[in-house]
Amino acid sequence: MTMLLQSKCRADFRLTNWLQSLTGVSRKRFNSDGTTGIAPAAVRSSEKRLSDLRADFIKPFSQFLTDNFYRKHTYLRISLTEKCNLRCRYCMPEEGVTLTRNDLLLTKDEVVKLAKLFVDQGVDKIRLTGGEPLIRSDVVDIVQRLKQESGVKTIGITTNGILLVRKLEALRRAGLDQLNVSLDTLVPPKFEFISRQRGWDKVMNGIELALRLGFDPVKINCVVMKGFNDDEICDFVALTEKKNLDVRFIEYMPFDGNKWNRDKIFSYRDMLKSVEERWPQIVRIADKQNDTSKGYKIPGAVGKFGFITSMTDNFCGSCNRLRITADGNLKVCLFGNAEVSLRDAVRARKTDEELLEIIGVAVKNKKKQHAGMITISQMENRPMILIGG
């Protein structure tokens, strides 16, 4: 017991020294006459940073956000709206969708409250989605409040890019860290066909603005469909040679009303083969923990590209993502149809502890992996626009 205690003390001493080196707190602050060269306020501030760092370092990850397969969920995606200014064929049914009444959507205060609850439990990244999140009039204020009040490290937005030129500079000032732009074609008439709207030039102008504002990188999400845009894969990759882009090619996924069928799948292996035929020297990039994209790069290129392989090579084993829909339902899996209403719990004035119990039960019920593309295509689920991209 004595040896264990001594070992713990030595480890504790080393941890304290290391944390002090990060915060600037010195173990020898005071002179022999009792004075110090550091202002008391600065000492208190440094000691507070030391205390916070130390607590974060030794604090175990939340049991409420850890599932039965030991996956720790540190990434929360929050949909701000079900509305969109495009009508993309893989996202929205041709006949449209029945929108939730405004009073049943999460308010700004509810979004911030739930975000803070998740961040307090270990979430370090929040992505705002839709629908199209930029059509929400208070989106800039939401970003600013999340940055200032929730304590989250990283805030991102996924957008179709139509309103980027109008809103991106304000979003950047509010604290937006990351940007994903959905763009499935570099050919304007094809853009109009897939989205059922015009606006390709607005998206491209928005991407250029994002590059000028220093987003590093600007991510482009491209859903690849056989016979529609699989012939553009190399054109997208070519953009990464001179621009700081991360183009992610996404396998076509089944959702309610998007007329998915297996024949439209263009697998990532087929995509990779197309790229290798033009650039045989491409190199595989080491993926970060929980990455959804298998990354590649042309040697000497400014940007990079990758493949999100949800259908042919799932990454469920490293999934760290949870979703909250615009109407306040928690979805623990994009392809699962199980949901629980956090909105109703918040409006019923449940305590944070009660909310965490609800969240914990949902997370513990998350399955090991999704059911596979054929089964998913036959399951009842929301259209993508009502989930949040």
Protein backbone atom coordinates (compact mmCIF):
# COMPACT_ATOMS: atom_id res chain seq x y z
CA MET A 1 0.00 0.00 0.00
CA THR A 2 2.84 2.39 0.88
CA MET A 3 4.55 1.74 -2.46
CA LEU A 4 1.31 2.35 -4.35
CA LEU A 5 0.79 5.61 -2.48
CA GLN A 6 4.35 6.74 -3.20
CA SER A 7 3.94 5.88 -6.87
CA LYS A 8 0.68 7.85 -7.02
CA CYS A 9 2.32 10.84 -5.35
CA ARG A 10 5.21 10.82 -7.83
CA ALA A 11 2.80 10.62 -10.77
CA ASP A 12 0.72 13.40 -9.24
CA PHE A 13 3.85 15.54 -8.80
CA ARG A 14 4.89 14.98 -12.45
CA LEU A 15 1.36 15.81 -13.66
CA THR A 16 1.32 19.01 -11.62
CA ASN A 17 4.71 20.09 -12.96
CA TRP A 18 3.63 19.42 -16.55
CA LEU A 19 0.40 21.34 -16.14
CA GLN A 20 2.26 24.21 -14.50
CA SER A 21 4.52 24.42 -17.53
CA LEU A 22 1.41 24.86 -19.71
CA THR A 23 -0.19 27.55 -17.56
CA GLY A 24 2.88 29.53 -16.55
CA VAL A 25 2.40 28.85 -12.82
CA SER A 26 5.73 28.57 -11.04
CA ARG A 27 6.23 26.46 -7.92
CA LYS A 28 8.59 29.19 -6.64
CA ARG A 29 6.50 32.31 -6.93
CA PHE A 30 7.56 34.19 -3.81
CA ASN A 31 10.79 36.00 -2.96
CA SER A 32 12.54 35.60 0.40
CA ASP A 33 10.90 38.76 1.71
CA GLY A 34 7.48 37.42 0.93
CA THR A 35 6.94 39.51 -2.20
CA THR A 36 6.32 38.12 -5.62
CA GLY A 37 7.20 39.22 -9.12
CA ILE A 38 3.79 38.14 -10.33
CA ALA A 39 0.70 40.28 -9.79
CA PRO A 40 -1.79 38.55 -7.45
CA ALA A 41 -4.50 38.63 -10.12
CA ALA A 42 -2.16 36.95 -12.59
CA VAL A 43 -1.30 34.30 -10.00
CA ARG A 44 -4.97 33.62 -9.33
CA SER A 45 -5.68 33.47 -13.06
CA SER A 46 -2.83 31.02 -13.66
CA GLU A 47 -3.88 28.91 -10.69
CA LYS A 48 -7.43 28.79 -12.08
CA ARG A 49 -6.10 27.59 -15.47
CA LEU A 50 -4.01 24.99 -13.66
CA SER A 51 -7.03 23.78 -11.71
CA ASP A 52 -9.18 23.58 -14.85
CA LEU A 53 -6.49 21.80 -16.85
CA ARG A 54 -5.85 19.34 -14.07
CA ALA A 55 -9.56 18.56 -13.74
CA ASP A 56 -9.91 18.02 -17.50
CA PHE A 57 -6.82 15.81 -17.58
CA ILE A 58 -7.95 13.39 -14.90
CA LYS A 59 -11.73 13.54 -15.40
CA PRO A 60 -13.13 10.26 -16.80
CA PHE A 61 -15.27 10.51 -19.91
CA SER A 62 -19.02 10.75 -19.35
CA GLN A 63 -20.83 7.47 -18.85
CA PHE A 64 -23.88 9.08 -20.43
CA LEU A 65 -22.07 9.56 -23.77
CA THR A 66 -20.33 6.16 -23.77
CA ASP A 67 -22.21 3.29 -25.41
CA ASN A 68 -22.07 -0.43 -24.70
CA PHE A 69 -19.29 -0.85 -27.26
CA TYR A 70 -17.08 1.72 -25.45
CA ARG A 71 -17.50 4.37 -28.17
CA LYS A 72 -17.13 7.84 -26.70
CA HIS A 73 -19.36 10.41 -28.38
CA THR A 74 -17.52 13.72 -28.61
CA TYR A 75 -19.18 15.13 -31.74
CA LEU A 76 -22.71 16.56 -31.79
CA ARG A 77 -24.57 17.62 -34.92
CA ILE A 78 -27.52 19.96 -34.37
CA SER A 79 -30.02 20.70 -37.13
CA LEU A 80 -31.28 24.28 -36.94
CA THR A 81 -34.10 24.04 -39.47
CA GLU A 82 -36.01 21.66 -41.73
CA LYS A 83 -36.29 24.29 -44.45
CA CYS A 84 -33.96 24.53 -47.42
CA ASN A 85 -33.57 26.82 -50.42
CA LEU A 86 -32.63 23.86 -52.66
CA ARG A 87 -34.47 20.62 -53.44
CA CYS A 88 -31.64 18.12 -53.91
CA ARG A 89 -32.89 14.80 -55.20
CA TYR A 90 -30.94 12.62 -52.76
CA CYS A 91 -32.07 14.70 -49.78
CA MET A 92 -35.66 15.81 -50.34
CA PRO A 93 -38.53 13.76 -51.84
CA GLU A 94 -39.87 15.14 -55.11
CA GLU A 95 -43.22 15.89 -53.49
CA GLY A 96 -41.51 17.83 -50.69
CA VAL A 97 -41.87 17.19 -46.96
CA THR A 98 -44.33 18.18 -44.27
CA LEU A 99 -42.55 20.75 -42.14
CA THR A 100 -42.80 20.84 -38.36
CA ARG A 101 -44.64 23.84 -36.91
CA ASN A 102 -42.28 26.59 -35.78
CA ASP A 103 -43.37 26.34 -32.15
CA LEU A 104 -42.26 22.69 -32.14
CA LEU A 105 -38.74 23.47 -33.37
CA LEU A 106 -35.90 24.08 -30.94
CA THR A 107 -35.53 27.71 -29.95
CA LYS A 108 -32.17 29.45 -29.80
CA ASP A 109 -32.10 29.14 -26.01
CA GLU A 110 -32.94 25.44 -26.20
CA VAL A 111 -30.17 24.83 -28.74
CA VAL A 112 -27.64 26.54 -26.46
CA LYS A 113 -28.90 24.75 -23.33
CA LEU A 114 -28.66 21.30 -24.92
CA ALA A 115 -25.27 22.08 -26.47
CA LYS A 116 -23.88 23.15 -23.11
CA LEU A 117 -25.19 19.98 -21.49
CA PHE A 118 -23.40 17.81 -24.06
CA VAL A 119 -20.20 19.86 -23.90
CA ASP A 120 -20.13 19.56 -20.11
CA GLN A 121 -20.15 15.79 -20.62
CA GLY A 122 -17.24 15.76 -23.08
CA VAL A 123 -18.47 16.85 -26.51
CA ASP A 124 -15.73 19.02 -28.05
CA LYS A 125 -17.14 19.59 -31.54
CA ILE A 126 -20.55 20.82 -32.66
CA ARG A 127 -21.68 21.05 -36.27
CA LEU A 128 -24.77 23.01 -37.25
CA THR A 129 -26.79 21.52 -40.09
CA GLY A 130 -30.24 21.60 -41.66
CA GLY A 131 -32.14 21.78 -43.92
CA GLU A 132 -30.06 24.80 -44.77
CA PRO A 133 -28.80 26.34 -41.51
CA LEU A 134 -27.94 29.70 -43.07
CA ILE A 135 -31.59 30.49 -43.81
CA ARG A 136 -32.22 30.69 -40.07
CA SER A 137 -32.18 34.39 -39.24
CA ASP A 138 -30.45 33.96 -35.88
CA VAL A 139 -27.70 31.60 -37.08
CA VAL A 140 -24.90 34.12 -36.41
CA ASP A 141 -26.16 34.73 -32.88
CA ILE A 142 -26.40 30.97 -32.28
CA VAL A 143 -22.77 30.48 -33.33
CA GLN A 144 -21.65 33.35 -31.11
CA ARG A 145 -23.56 32.07 -28.09
CA LEU A 146 -22.33 28.51 -28.57
CA LYS A 147 -18.76 29.78 -28.74
CA GLN A 148 -19.10 32.03 -25.70
CA GLU A 149 -21.47 30.06 -23.47
CA SER A 150 -21.09 26.34 -24.16
CA GLY A 151 -17.31 26.06 -23.92
CA VAL A 152 -17.13 23.90 -27.05
CA LYS A 153 -13.72 23.81 -28.74
CA THR A 154 -14.84 23.59 -32.38
CA ILE A 155 -17.94 24.84 -34.19
CA GLY A 156 -18.63 23.93 -37.81
CA ILE A 157 -21.46 24.41 -40.28
CA THR A 158 -22.55 22.31 -43.24
CA THR A 159 -24.23 24.45 -45.89
CA ASN A 160 -25.28 24.29 -49.52
CA GLY A 161 -23.37 27.55 -50.01
CA ILE A 162 -26.11 29.65 -51.56
CA LEU A 163 -26.01 32.27 -48.75
CA LEU A 164 -22.31 32.08 -47.92
CA VAL A 165 -21.31 35.38 -49.52
CA ARG A 166 -24.01 37.13 -47.51
CA LYS A 167 -23.32 35.57 -44.11
CA LEU A 168 -19.86 33.99 -43.91
CA GLU A 169 -17.88 37.01 -42.71
CA ALA A 170 -20.28 37.56 -39.82
CA LEU A 171 -20.16 33.86 -38.96
CA ARG A 172 -16.37 33.94 -38.94
CA ARG A 173 -16.38 36.90 -36.56
CA ALA A 174 -18.90 35.08 -34.35
CA GLY A 175 -16.48 32.19 -33.93
CA LEU A 176 -17.15 29.70 -36.73
CA ASP A 177 -14.15 27.37 -37.01
CA GLN A 178 -14.98 24.91 -39.77
CA LEU A 179 -16.95 24.97 -43.00
CA ASN A 180 -18.39 22.17 -45.13
CA VAL A 181 -20.03 23.04 -48.44
CA SER A 182 -22.24 20.56 -50.27
CA LEU A 183 -21.50 20.61 -54.01
CA ASP A 184 -22.17 17.65 -56.29
CA THR A 185 -21.18 19.00 -59.69
CA LEU A 186 -18.95 21.55 -61.37
CA VAL A 187 -21.36 21.84 -64.31
CA PRO A 188 -24.06 24.52 -63.81
CA PRO A 189 -26.86 22.76 -65.78
CA LYS A 190 -26.26 19.56 -63.78
CA PHE A 191 -26.38 21.61 -60.57
CA GLU A 192 -29.78 22.91 -61.58
CA PHE A 193 -30.96 19.37 -62.35
CA ILE A 194 -29.81 17.78 -59.07
CA SER A 195 -30.90 20.68 -56.83
CA ARG A 196 -34.01 21.66 -58.81
CA GLN A 197 -32.83 25.27 -58.41
CA ARG A 198 -30.28 27.69 -59.83
CA GLY A 199 -27.35 29.02 -57.81
CA TRP A 200 -24.14 27.24 -58.82
CA ASP A 201 -22.27 30.53 -59.23
CA LYS A 202 -23.29 31.64 -55.72
CA VAL A 203 -21.88 28.45 -54.25
CA MET A 204 -18.58 28.84 -56.09
CA ASN A 205 -18.29 32.48 -54.99
CA GLY A 206 -18.95 31.38 -51.43
CA ILE A 207 -16.18 28.78 -51.59
CA GLU A 208 -13.73 31.40 -52.87
CA LEU A 209 -14.71 33.74 -50.04
CA ALA A 210 -14.16 30.95 -47.49
CA LEU A 211 -10.67 30.38 -48.86
CA ARG A 212 -9.88 34.10 -48.59
CA LEU A 213 -11.13 34.15 -45.00
CA GLY A 214 -8.68 31.42 -44.11
CA PHE A 215 -10.83 28.37 -43.42
CA ASP A 216 -8.26 25.58 -43.30
CA PRO A 217 -9.33 23.66 -45.24
CA VAL A 218 -12.67 24.37 -46.88
CA LYS A 219 -14.38 20.99 -47.04
CA ILE A 220 -16.54 20.09 -50.02
CA ASN A 221 -19.05 17.25 -49.69
CA CYS A 222 -19.85 15.59 -53.01
CA VAL A 223 -22.48 12.82 -53.19
CA VAL A 224 -21.46 10.57 -56.08
CA MET A 225 -24.17 8.89 -58.13
CA LYS A 226 -23.40 6.49 -60.95
CA GLY A 227 -24.35 7.91 -64.33
CA PHE A 228 -24.78 11.44 -63.01
CA ASN A 229 -21.51 12.85 -61.67
CA ASP A 230 -19.08 9.92 -61.44
CA ASP A 231 -17.37 11.38 -64.53
CA GLU A 232 -16.50 14.54 -62.54
CA ILE A 233 -14.47 12.90 -59.78
CA CYS A 234 -11.13 13.82 -61.31
CA ASP A 235 -12.30 17.38 -61.99
CA PHE A 236 -13.01 17.79 -58.28
CA VAL A 237 -9.67 16.23 -57.32
CA ALA A 238 -7.89 18.62 -59.70
CA LEU A 239 -9.21 21.54 -57.63
CA THR A 240 -7.12 20.35 -54.69
CA GLU A 241 -3.87 20.83 -56.60
CA LYS A 242 -3.99 24.64 -56.28
CA LYS A 243 -6.62 25.30 -53.59
CA ASN A 244 -6.78 24.46 -49.88
CA LEU A 245 -9.80 22.19 -50.28
CA ASP A 246 -10.67 18.86 -48.76
CA VAL A 247 -13.05 17.21 -51.23
CA ARG A 248 -14.92 14.29 -49.69
CA PHE A 249 -16.72 11.95 -52.08
CA ILE A 250 -19.76 10.39 -50.39
CA GLU A 251 -21.33 7.13 -51.43
CA TYR A 252 -25.00 7.55 -52.30
CA MET A 253 -27.09 6.63 -49.22
CA PRO A 254 -30.74 5.57 -48.88
CA PHE A 255 -33.23 7.83 -47.10
CA ASP A 256 -36.99 8.12 -47.26
CA GLY A 257 -38.19 9.46 -50.60
CA ASN A 258 -34.84 9.78 -52.41
CA LYS A 259 -35.49 6.87 -54.81
CA TRP A 260 -32.25 5.17 -53.83
CA ASN A 261 -31.35 1.92 -55.51
CA ARG A 262 -28.19 -0.16 -55.52
CA ASP A 263 -27.52 0.51 -59.20
CA LYS A 264 -26.86 4.19 -58.39
CA ILE A 265 -24.00 3.32 -56.01
CA PHE A 266 -20.55 4.20 -57.28
CA SER A 267 -18.33 2.62 -54.66
CA TYR A 268 -15.27 4.29 -53.21
CA ARG A 269 -13.08 1.60 -54.78
CA ASP A 270 -14.43 2.59 -58.19
CA MET A 271 -13.88 6.27 -57.33
CA LEU A 272 -10.33 5.58 -56.21
CA LYS A 273 -9.62 3.63 -59.38
CA SER A 274 -10.76 6.61 -61.46
CA VAL A 275 -8.37 8.91 -59.61
CA GLU A 276 -5.43 6.49 -59.76
CA GLU A 277 -5.77 6.20 -63.53
CA ARG A 278 -5.04 9.92 -63.82
CA TRP A 279 -2.73 10.34 -60.79
CA PRO A 280 -1.06 6.98 -60.11
CA GLN A 281 1.26 8.64 -57.59
CA ILE A 282 -1.46 9.63 -55.08
CA VAL A 283 -0.63 8.84 -51.45
CA ARG A 284 -2.80 7.67 -48.57
CA ILE A 285 -2.99 10.11 -45.67
CA ALA A 286 -2.98 8.89 -42.09
CA ASP A 287 -6.51 9.28 -40.74
CA LYS A 288 -7.22 10.91 -37.40
CA GLN A 289 -9.20 9.08 -34.75
CA ASN A 290 -12.92 9.01 -35.63
CA ASP A 291 -12.34 10.30 -39.19
CA THR A 292 -15.17 9.34 -41.51
CA SER A 293 -13.17 10.01 -44.67
CA LYS A 294 -10.37 7.86 -46.05
CA GLY A 295 -7.91 10.57 -47.01
CA TYR A 296 -5.61 10.87 -50.05
CA LYS A 297 -3.40 13.53 -51.56
CA ILE A 298 -1.64 14.29 -54.82
CA PRO A 299 2.04 14.83 -53.95
CA GLY A 300 2.74 18.57 -53.91
CA ALA A 301 -0.95 19.51 -53.91
CA VAL A 302 -2.24 22.23 -51.62
CA GLY A 303 -5.40 20.38 -50.68
CA LYS A 304 -6.52 16.78 -50.30
CA PHE A 305 -9.47 14.50 -50.98
CA GLY A 306 -11.11 11.45 -49.48
CA PHE A 307 -13.97 9.00 -49.54
CA ILE A 308 -16.84 8.59 -47.08
CA THR A 309 -17.71 4.93 -47.45
CA SER A 310 -20.88 4.50 -45.39
CA MET A 311 -22.36 1.89 -47.72
CA THR A 312 -19.50 -0.35 -48.87
CA ASP A 313 -17.05 -0.09 -45.94
CA ASN A 314 -18.76 1.32 -42.86
CA PHE A 315 -16.87 3.02 -40.03
CA CYS A 316 -19.44 2.31 -37.30
CA GLY A 317 -16.78 0.92 -34.97
CA SER A 318 -15.20 4.35 -34.50
CA CYS A 319 -18.41 6.40 -34.64
CA ASN A 320 -18.36 9.30 -32.15
CA ARG A 321 -21.36 11.22 -33.53
CA LEU A 322 -24.79 12.03 -32.15
CA ARG A 323 -27.51 14.09 -33.84
CA ILE A 324 -30.26 16.39 -32.63
CA THR A 325 -32.96 17.10 -35.20
CA ALA A 326 -34.50 20.54 -35.66
CA ASP A 327 -37.58 19.41 -33.73
CA GLY A 328 -35.39 18.31 -30.84
CA ASN A 329 -35.12 14.54 -31.23
CA LEU A 330 -31.87 12.77 -30.35
CA LYS A 331 -30.74 10.27 -33.01
CA VAL A 332 -27.79 8.11 -32.03
CA CYS A 333 -27.36 6.72 -35.56
CA LEU A 334 -27.90 8.43 -38.90
CA PHE A 335 -29.42 5.25 -40.36
CA GLY A 336 -31.40 4.17 -37.31
CA ASN A 337 -35.02 5.14 -36.77
CA ALA A 338 -34.90 5.20 -32.97
CA GLU A 339 -35.38 8.71 -31.55
CA VAL A 340 -36.10 10.35 -28.22
CA SER A 341 -37.40 13.89 -27.72
CA LEU A 342 -35.07 16.18 -25.80
CA ARG A 343 -37.30 19.13 -26.68
CA ASP A 344 -40.21 17.67 -24.73
CA ALA A 345 -37.94 16.90 -21.78
CA VAL A 346 -36.56 20.44 -21.72
CA ARG A 347 -40.03 21.97 -21.97
CA ALA A 348 -41.22 19.69 -19.16
CA ARG A 349 -38.50 21.37 -17.06
CA LYS A 350 -36.53 18.19 -16.51
CA THR A 351 -33.34 18.76 -14.54
CA ASP A 352 -29.96 18.35 -16.18
CA GLU A 353 -29.54 15.08 -14.32
CA GLU A 354 -32.86 13.81 -15.69
CA LEU A 355 -31.92 14.93 -19.20
CA LEU A 356 -28.62 13.08 -18.92
CA GLU A 357 -30.44 9.92 -17.88
CA ILE A 358 -32.61 10.16 -21.02
CA ILE A 359 -29.53 10.76 -23.19
CA GLY A 360 -27.63 7.93 -21.50
CA VAL A 361 -30.37 5.39 -22.16
CA ALA A 362 -30.50 6.37 -25.85
CA VAL A 363 -26.71 6.16 -26.24
CA LYS A 364 -26.58 2.77 -24.50
CA ASN A 365 -29.15 1.49 -27.02
CA LYS A 366 -26.94 2.41 -29.99
CA LYS A 367 -26.27 -0.67 -32.09
CA LYS A 368 -22.83 -1.96 -32.98
CA GLN A 369 -23.28 -1.01 -36.63
CA HIS A 370 -25.95 -0.04 -39.10
CA ALA A 371 -28.08 -2.67 -40.79
CA GLY A 372 -26.47 -2.56 -44.27
CA MET A 373 -27.53 -0.65 -47.34
CA ILE A 374 -30.24 -3.04 -48.55
CA THR A 375 -31.93 -3.28 -45.16
CA ILE A 376 -31.57 0.47 -44.61
CA SER A 377 -33.27 1.14 -47.95
CA GLN A 378 -36.29 -0.87 -46.74
CA MET A 379 -36.49 0.74 -43.30
CA GLU A 380 -38.75 3.63 -42.40
CA ASN A 381 -36.64 6.65 -41.54
CA ARG A 382 -36.79 10.41 -42.00
CA PRO A 383 -35.81 12.02 -45.29
CA MET A 384 -32.30 13.43 -44.97
CA ILE A 385 -33.58 17.01 -44.87
CA LEU A 386 -35.53 16.23 -41.66
CA ILE A 387 -32.52 14.55 -40.01
CA GLY A 388 -29.81 17.09 -40.64
CA GLY A 389 -26.86 16.53 -42.96
